[in-house]
Amino acid sequence: MSELLLSTNGLTKQYGHHKAVDKVNLHIKKGAIYGFIGRNGAGKTTCLKMISGLARPTAGEIEMFGCKGKELERIRSRVGCLIEAPGLYGNMNAYTNLKIKCELFGIRKKGYIEDILETVGLEGVGKKKTKHFSLGMKQRLGIGLARSGSRISWSLMNRSMGLIPRELQRCVIPYRDCEMNGI
């Protein structure tokens, strides 16, 4: 496997006459944490949507884990993704939200959900419904959901909305640990 986890070559997205993304070239190495910085409307979210398969590029190429073109679909199903706000069931608690995803992915490992909740700092929320969570708590649960069921532990996150640096570090550092331990 290549040292590059993700690369793009000339990635472009055009809506009518407006180019939302214009010839972006990325080269992201294994074990690294990268961030997009730019003003509103610069194309950050659109790039992430193309990389994750939620939008089709107008032009250019994406290579992820050495796979291109139609091979990308096979890889994308193994990658956790969080863009903007997480999709949560507001009338359910954090544990139940994670349990639903784990059931869909066939994960029945004892303690798996508890480990994710602890990793993202939500081990003490109990039966509190997610509609009553703070923005930061929702984002941390979204990171946990992106991580659950993903054999490749990385997330495409748009902004750190609602996460203070300490919380962001708590949620992101375990991904580095997974990478370093060959997970």
Protein backbone atom coordinates (compact mmCIF):
# COMPACT_ATOMS: atom_id res chain seq x y z
CA MET A 1 0.00 0.00 0.00
CA SER A 2 1.17 3.49 -0.85
CA GLU A 3 2.31 6.02 1.77
CA LEU A 4 -0.39 8.31 0.38
CA LEU A 5 -3.86 7.74 1.79
CA LEU A 6 -5.49 10.29 -0.44
CA SER A 7 -4.49 12.25 -3.50
CA THR A 8 -6.41 14.39 -5.94
CA ASN A 9 -5.27 15.62 -9.30
CA GLY A 10 -7.05 18.59 -10.88
CA LEU A 11 -10.19 18.04 -8.79
CA THR A 12 -12.87 20.39 -10.12
CA LYS A 13 -16.57 20.91 -9.46
CA GLN A 14 -18.61 23.29 -11.56
CA TYR A 15 -22.25 24.28 -11.08
CA GLY A 16 -23.38 25.94 -14.30
CA HIS A 17 -20.84 28.72 -14.93
CA HIS A 18 -19.59 28.79 -11.31
CA LYS A 19 -16.50 26.78 -10.39
CA ALA A 20 -16.94 25.80 -6.74
CA VAL A 21 -13.64 23.86 -6.78
CA ASP A 22 -10.93 24.60 -9.34
CA LYS A 23 -8.13 22.08 -10.02
CA VAL A 24 -7.33 21.05 -6.43
CA ASN A 25 -4.28 18.82 -5.96
CA LEU A 26 -3.99 17.12 -2.55
CA HIS A 27 -1.42 14.62 -1.29
CA ILE A 28 -2.25 13.34 2.19
CA LYS A 29 0.19 10.92 3.78
CA LYS A 30 -0.53 8.06 6.16
CA GLY A 31 -0.69 9.14 9.82
CA ALA A 32 -1.10 12.85 9.10
CA ILE A 33 -3.87 15.22 10.13
CA TYR A 34 -4.74 17.85 7.53
CA GLY A 35 -7.11 20.78 7.48
CA PHE A 36 -8.74 22.96 4.85
CA ILE A 37 -8.61 26.66 5.58
CA GLY A 38 -10.55 29.18 3.55
CA ARG A 39 -13.32 31.72 3.54
CA ASN A 40 -16.98 30.80 3.24
CA GLY A 41 -17.76 29.60 -0.27
CA ALA A 42 -14.13 28.67 -1.04
CA GLY A 43 -15.05 25.04 -1.85
CA LYS A 44 -13.92 23.24 1.32
CA THR A 45 -17.17 21.33 1.87
CA THR A 46 -17.54 20.60 -1.84
CA CYS A 47 -14.04 19.06 -1.87
CA LEU A 48 -14.91 16.85 1.09
CA LYS A 49 -18.18 15.81 -0.54
CA MET A 50 -16.36 14.78 -3.72
CA ILE A 51 -13.72 12.86 -1.78
CA SER A 52 -16.39 11.03 0.24
CA GLY A 53 -18.52 10.25 -2.82
CA LEU A 54 -21.44 12.53 -1.96
CA ALA A 55 -20.80 14.69 -5.05
CA ARG A 56 -19.30 13.87 -8.44
CA PRO A 57 -16.33 15.86 -9.71
CA THR A 58 -16.80 17.73 -12.97
CA ALA A 59 -13.16 16.97 -13.76
CA GLY A 60 -10.07 15.56 -12.12
CA GLU A 61 -9.19 12.38 -10.32
CA ILE A 62 -9.36 11.05 -6.75
CA GLU A 63 -7.14 8.24 -5.49
CA MET A 64 -7.75 6.78 -2.04
CA PHE A 65 -5.65 3.96 -0.58
CA GLY A 66 -4.31 3.26 -4.06
CA CYS A 67 -7.78 2.91 -5.62
CA LYS A 68 -9.21 5.10 -8.39
CA GLY A 69 -12.40 5.33 -10.43
CA LYS A 70 -14.95 2.58 -9.81
CA GLU A 71 -12.65 0.92 -7.24
CA LEU A 72 -13.28 3.90 -4.93
CA GLU A 73 -16.78 2.68 -4.02
CA ARG A 74 -15.31 -0.44 -2.42
CA ILE A 75 -12.94 1.66 -0.30
CA ARG A 76 -15.41 4.41 0.61
CA SER A 77 -17.66 1.92 2.39
CA ARG A 78 -14.79 1.35 4.85
CA VAL A 79 -14.14 5.03 5.62
CA GLY A 80 -15.90 7.01 8.34
CA CYS A 81 -17.14 10.43 7.26
CA LEU A 82 -18.53 13.47 9.07
CA ILE A 83 -19.29 16.55 7.00
CA GLU A 84 -21.03 19.44 8.75
CA ALA A 85 -23.63 18.26 11.28
CA PRO A 86 -24.04 14.59 12.19
CA GLY A 87 -27.33 12.83 11.47
CA LEU A 88 -28.63 11.86 14.89
CA TYR A 89 -31.88 10.41 16.14
CA GLY A 90 -32.86 13.22 18.53
CA ASN A 91 -35.29 11.14 20.59
CA MET A 92 -32.62 8.54 21.35
CA ASN A 93 -29.54 8.65 23.55
CA ALA A 94 -25.93 8.40 22.37
CA TYR A 95 -25.68 4.67 23.11
CA THR A 96 -28.79 3.86 21.06
CA ASN A 97 -27.63 6.02 18.12
CA LEU A 98 -24.36 4.07 18.05
CA LYS A 99 -26.11 0.74 18.57
CA ILE A 100 -28.26 1.27 15.46
CA LYS A 101 -25.19 1.89 13.31
CA CYS A 102 -23.36 -1.08 14.83
CA GLU A 103 -26.32 -3.35 14.11
CA LEU A 104 -26.39 -2.16 10.49
CA PHE A 105 -22.67 -2.98 10.19
CA GLY A 106 -23.00 -6.34 11.98
CA ILE A 107 -20.87 -5.26 14.94
CA ARG A 108 -21.74 -7.19 18.08
CA LYS A 109 -18.47 -6.98 20.00
CA LYS A 110 -19.09 -6.58 23.73
CA GLY A 111 -17.97 -3.18 25.01
CA TYR A 112 -17.51 -1.70 21.51
CA ILE A 113 -20.07 1.08 21.95
CA GLU A 114 -18.85 1.90 25.45
CA ASP A 115 -15.28 2.21 24.12
CA ILE A 116 -16.37 4.66 21.42
CA LEU A 117 -18.38 6.72 23.91
CA GLU A 118 -15.35 6.88 26.20
CA THR A 119 -13.02 7.83 23.36
CA VAL A 120 -15.18 10.80 22.37
CA GLY A 121 -15.86 11.83 25.98
CA LEU A 122 -19.54 10.86 26.17
CA GLU A 123 -19.31 7.93 28.56
CA GLY A 124 -21.28 9.77 31.28
CA VAL A 125 -24.30 11.03 29.31
CA GLY A 126 -26.55 8.11 30.26
CA LYS A 127 -30.12 8.31 28.99
CA LYS A 128 -29.97 11.96 27.92
CA LYS A 129 -31.59 12.30 24.49
CA THR A 130 -29.33 13.71 21.78
CA LYS A 131 -31.79 16.53 21.03
CA HIS A 132 -30.76 17.92 24.43
CA PHE A 133 -27.00 17.65 23.70
CA SER A 134 -24.84 20.73 23.31
CA LEU A 135 -23.37 21.38 19.86
CA GLY A 136 -19.99 20.00 21.00
CA MET A 137 -21.58 16.82 22.34
CA LYS A 138 -23.40 16.30 19.03
CA GLN A 139 -20.14 16.77 17.12
CA ARG A 140 -18.32 14.28 19.36
CA LEU A 141 -21.10 11.72 18.87
CA GLY A 142 -20.86 12.36 15.12
CA ILE A 143 -17.14 11.55 15.26
CA GLY A 144 -17.98 8.36 17.17
CA LEU A 145 -20.56 7.43 14.54
CA ALA A 146 -18.06 8.10 11.75
CA ARG A 147 -15.57 5.88 13.52
CA SER A 148 -17.95 3.00 14.27
CA GLY A 149 -18.13 0.38 11.57
CA SER A 150 -15.21 1.91 9.72
CA ARG A 151 -12.28 -0.40 9.32
CA ILE A 152 -10.22 2.60 8.31
CA SER A 153 -10.24 5.12 11.12
CA TRP A 154 -10.29 8.59 9.65
CA SER A 155 -12.92 11.23 9.30
CA LEU A 156 -13.53 13.96 6.81
CA MET A 157 -14.73 16.73 9.10
CA ASN A 158 -15.92 20.10 8.01
CA ARG A 159 -15.03 22.55 10.77
CA SER A 160 -14.66 21.76 14.41
CA MET A 161 -18.14 23.23 14.98
CA GLY A 162 -18.82 23.31 18.68
CA LEU A 163 -15.59 21.58 19.69
CA ILE A 164 -13.06 23.41 21.80
CA PRO A 165 -9.41 22.46 21.12
CA ARG A 166 -9.26 20.10 24.13
CA GLU A 167 -12.36 18.20 22.91
CA LEU A 168 -11.11 18.12 19.33
CA GLN A 169 -7.78 16.72 20.52
CA ARG A 170 -9.54 14.05 22.58
CA CYS A 171 -11.50 12.89 19.52
CA VAL A 172 -8.75 13.16 16.90
CA ILE A 173 -5.71 11.78 18.73
CA PRO A 174 -7.20 8.25 19.01
CA TYR A 175 -7.28 8.17 15.19
CA ARG A 176 -3.54 8.78 15.17
CA ASP A 177 -3.10 6.01 17.75
CA CYS A 178 -5.04 3.61 15.53
CA GLU A 179 -2.87 4.53 12.57
CA MET A 180 0.35 4.08 14.55
CA ASN A 181 -0.83 0.69 15.82
CA GLY A 182 -1.63 -0.53 12.31
CA ILE A 183 -5.38 -0.56 12.80
